[in-house]
Structure formats: structure tokens, C-alpha cells
Amino acid sequence: MESQIEFDRIMSEMNNEQTHLNHPYLDRERELAKQKELLEQQKQAINIQLNAIKVERIDLDQKRKDINRIFHDLKHELIMLNPRESYAKATAE
């Protein structure tokens, strides 16, 4: 290099070219980061919906169990009040 001025000019041109060549990659990286963030938000919304479904299913299962418990107790009581004939005859003799 003949002078500092020429050196500075060449370095400036190289920096400009480097910046110019990097712009498409930086732009794409920003686009991808934005898409990722949007997908993360959608994922969170889906997880909230899945948790709501899980809670509702647990609630439905508990209500079904409550109904089954009532009927089990009623059937047991009915069986105790109405023993089979063979059992009744055996205990009567």
C-alpha cells in the first residue's frame, strides 16, 4: 500500500462489500427468529387448550366415578335385601 489513505479506502470498500454480502443472511435470520417466536406463541396457546381438555376429562372421569359409586352402593344394598333363593333356603333350614 502506498499510503494510509489508500489503505483506509481499501478497508472501507472491503467492509462495505462484507456488509452488503451479509445483509440477506441477517434479514433471513430475523425472519426465522420472528417465525420461531410466532410458532412458540401458537405452541403455548395449544398447550393451554390441551391442559383445559385434560382438566375437563379429569372432571368428567370423577363425575362418572361418583355415579358408578352410587349405583354400586344401591346394587349392593338391593342384593343384601333380596338374597338368592338358594341362600335364603339354606339359612332358613
C-alpha atoms as a PDB file:
ATOM      1  CA  MET A   1       0.000   0.000   0.000  1.00  0.00           C
ATOM      2  CA  GLU A   2       1.348   3.365  -0.967  1.00  0.00           C
ATOM      3  CA  SER A   3      -0.320   5.389   1.720  1.00  0.00           C
ATOM      4  CA  GLN A   4      -2.580   5.284   4.707  1.00  0.00           C
ATOM      5  CA  ILE A   5      -5.319   6.909   2.646  1.00  0.00           C
ATOM      6  CA  GLU A   6      -5.264   4.100   0.095  1.00  0.00           C
ATOM      7  CA  PHE A   7      -5.222   1.518   2.896  1.00  0.00           C
ATOM      8  CA  ASP A   8      -8.222   3.141   4.577  1.00  0.00           C
ATOM      9  CA  ARG A   9     -10.084   3.301   1.256  1.00  0.00           C
ATOM     10  CA  ILE A  10      -9.480  -0.407   0.551  1.00  0.00           C
ATOM     11  CA  MET A  11     -10.504  -1.388   4.103  1.00  0.00           C
ATOM     12  CA  SER A  12     -13.654   0.722   3.785  1.00  0.00           C
ATOM     13  CA  GLU A  13     -14.551  -0.910   0.461  1.00  0.00           C
ATOM     14  CA  MET A  14     -13.976  -4.370   1.933  1.00  0.00           C
ATOM     15  CA  ASN A  15     -16.148  -3.545   4.943  1.00  0.00           C
ATOM     16  CA  ASN A  16     -18.897  -2.225   2.680  1.00  0.00           C
ATOM     17  CA  GLU A  17     -18.778  -5.337   0.494  1.00  0.00           C
ATOM     18  CA  GLN A  18     -18.814  -7.592   3.564  1.00  0.00           C
ATOM     19  CA  THR A  19     -21.835  -5.738   4.962  1.00  0.00           C
ATOM     20  CA  HIS A  20     -23.582  -5.883   1.600  1.00  0.00           C
ATOM     21  CA  LEU A  21     -22.999  -9.636   1.270  1.00  0.00           C
ATOM     22  CA  ASN A  22     -24.149 -10.311   4.844  1.00  0.00           C
ATOM     23  CA  HIS A  23     -27.461  -8.393   4.562  1.00  0.00           C
ATOM     24  CA  PRO A  24     -29.504 -11.243   3.002  1.00  0.00           C
ATOM     25  CA  TYR A  25     -28.359 -13.642   5.729  1.00  0.00           C
ATOM     26  CA  LEU A  26     -29.114 -11.192   8.512  1.00  0.00           C
ATOM     27  CA  ASP A  27     -32.535 -10.468   7.009  1.00  0.00           C
ATOM     28  CA  ARG A  28     -33.306 -14.188   6.776  1.00  0.00           C
ATOM     29  CA  GLU A  29     -32.140 -14.763  10.356  1.00  0.00           C
ATOM     30  CA  ARG A  30     -34.526 -12.039  11.550  1.00  0.00           C
ATOM     31  CA  GLU A  31     -37.386 -13.589   9.546  1.00  0.00           C
ATOM     32  CA  LEU A  32     -36.668 -17.006  11.041  1.00  0.00           C
ATOM     33  CA  ALA A  33     -36.477 -15.590  14.567  1.00  0.00           C
ATOM     34  CA  LYS A  34     -39.876 -13.930  14.047  1.00  0.00           C
ATOM     35  CA  GLN A  35     -41.397 -17.145  12.665  1.00  0.00           C
ATOM     36  CA  LYS A  36     -39.975 -19.097  15.595  1.00  0.00           C
ATOM     37  CA  GLU A  37     -41.478 -16.645  18.076  1.00  0.00           C
ATOM     38  CA  LEU A  38     -44.877 -16.867  16.393  1.00  0.00           C
ATOM     39  CA  LEU A  39     -44.720 -20.677  16.486  1.00  0.00           C
ATOM     40  CA  GLU A  40     -43.738 -20.595  20.175  1.00  0.00           C
ATOM     41  CA  GLN A  41     -46.785 -18.426  20.870  1.00  0.00           C
ATOM     42  CA  GLN A  42     -49.016 -20.859  18.962  1.00  0.00           C
ATOM     43  CA  LYS A  43     -47.438 -23.757  20.863  1.00  0.00           C
ATOM     44  CA  GLN A  44     -48.227 -22.049  24.171  1.00  0.00           C
ATOM     45  CA  ALA A  45     -51.819 -21.457  23.074  1.00  0.00           C
ATOM     46  CA  ILE A  46     -52.145 -25.122  22.075  1.00  0.00           C
ATOM     47  CA  ASN A  47     -50.678 -26.233  25.413  1.00  0.00           C
ATOM     48  CA  ILE A  48     -53.248 -24.102  27.223  1.00  0.00           C
ATOM     49  CA  GLN A  49     -56.018 -25.776  25.204  1.00  0.00           C
ATOM     50  CA  LEU A  50     -54.565 -29.237  25.886  1.00  0.00           C
ATOM     51  CA  ASN A  51     -54.433 -28.506  29.612  1.00  0.00           C
ATOM     52  CA  ALA A  52     -58.047 -27.322  29.558  1.00  0.00           C
ATOM     53  CA  ILE A  53     -59.055 -30.570  27.849  1.00  0.00           C
ATOM     54  CA  LYS A  54     -57.089 -32.560  30.421  1.00  0.00           C
ATOM     55  CA  VAL A  55     -58.836 -30.785  33.302  1.00  0.00           C
ATOM     56  CA  GLU A  56     -62.256 -31.342  31.726  1.00  0.00           C
ATOM     57  CA  ARG A  57     -61.517 -35.047  31.155  1.00  0.00           C
ATOM     58  CA  ILE A  58     -60.439 -35.430  34.796  1.00  0.00           C
ATOM     59  CA  ASP A  59     -63.661 -33.721  35.880  1.00  0.00           C
ATOM     60  CA  LEU A  60     -65.775 -35.988  33.636  1.00  0.00           C
ATOM     61  CA  ASP A  61     -63.956 -39.068  34.917  1.00  0.00           C
ATOM     62  CA  GLN A  62     -64.630 -38.035  38.527  1.00  0.00           C
ATOM     63  CA  LYS A  63     -68.328 -37.437  37.818  1.00  0.00           C
ATOM     64  CA  ARG A  64     -68.551 -40.856  36.156  1.00  0.00           C
ATOM     65  CA  LYS A  65     -66.864 -42.436  39.181  1.00  0.00           C
ATOM     66  CA  ASP A  66     -69.297 -40.680  41.502  1.00  0.00           C
ATOM     67  CA  ILE A  67     -72.255 -42.057  39.516  1.00  0.00           C
ATOM     68  CA  ASN A  68     -70.764 -45.549  39.476  1.00  0.00           C
ATOM     69  CA  ARG A  69     -70.146 -45.425  43.233  1.00  0.00           C
ATOM     70  CA  ILE A  70     -73.787 -44.511  43.899  1.00  0.00           C
ATOM     71  CA  PHE A  71     -75.078 -47.333  41.698  1.00  0.00           C
ATOM     72  CA  HIS A  72     -72.612 -49.804  43.213  1.00  0.00           C
ATOM     73  CA  ASP A  73     -73.885 -48.955  46.695  1.00  0.00           C
ATOM     74  CA  LEU A  74     -77.525 -49.186  45.576  1.00  0.00           C
ATOM     75  CA  LYS A  75     -76.944 -52.568  43.909  1.00  0.00           C
ATOM     76  CA  HIS A  76     -75.137 -53.880  46.986  1.00  0.00           C
ATOM     77  CA  GLU A  77     -78.000 -52.741  49.185  1.00  0.00           C
ATOM     78  CA  LEU A  78     -80.546 -54.356  46.827  1.00  0.00           C
ATOM     79  CA  ILE A  79     -78.599 -57.627  46.863  1.00  0.00           C
ATOM     80  CA  MET A  80     -78.467 -57.619  50.648  1.00  0.00           C
ATOM     81  CA  LEU A  81     -82.222 -57.001  50.883  1.00  0.00           C
ATOM     82  CA  ASN A  82     -83.026 -59.685  48.276  1.00  0.00           C
ATOM     83  CA  PRO A  83     -80.806 -62.717  48.773  1.00  0.00           C
ATOM     84  CA  ARG A  84     -80.949 -65.588  46.276  1.00  0.00           C
ATOM     85  CA  GLU A  85     -83.498 -68.306  46.988  1.00  0.00           C
ATOM     86  CA  SER A  86     -80.883 -70.992  47.487  1.00  0.00           C
ATOM     87  CA  TYR A  87     -79.146 -68.793  50.042  1.00  0.00           C
ATOM     88  CA  ALA A  88     -82.448 -67.984  51.744  1.00  0.00           C
ATOM     89  CA  LYS A  89     -83.446 -71.689  51.925  1.00  0.00           C
ATOM     90  CA  ALA A  90     -80.072 -72.698  53.305  1.00  0.00           C
ATOM     91  CA  THR A  91     -80.265 -70.117  56.048  1.00  0.00           C
ATOM     92  CA  ALA A  92     -83.913 -70.975  56.839  1.00  0.00           C
ATOM     93  CA  GLU A  93     -83.233 -74.667  57.413  1.00  0.00           C
END
